[in-house]
């Protein structure tokens, strides 16, 4: 699947049936790919940027089905229920803006 997507961008001007016009993306798969990539960087000992931390935090709060039981337990222990509800109701861009204000 990812090879087909990369080929689309590489050859968009000359697809097999003429000019390629569009491609369908699965937003949840894209989120998961980015999250796993960030976690891989962390596993390799890289320091995460504020934006990477914000992304993982938002995903953790808004996509709990990505987490295993230990991850869910850690969220329950570290984020108060009221704060979690506020994060879940906040649009992504607003969450990022608020987090950037805190970390400056």
Foldseek 3Di string as FASTA:
>chain_A
DVVVVVVCVVQQCQDPVHHHDDDDDDVVVVLVVLLVVLVVCVVVVHDDDLVNVLSNVLCVLAVVVVDDPVSVVVCPVPAPPVRSVVSNPDPSVVSSVVSVVVVD
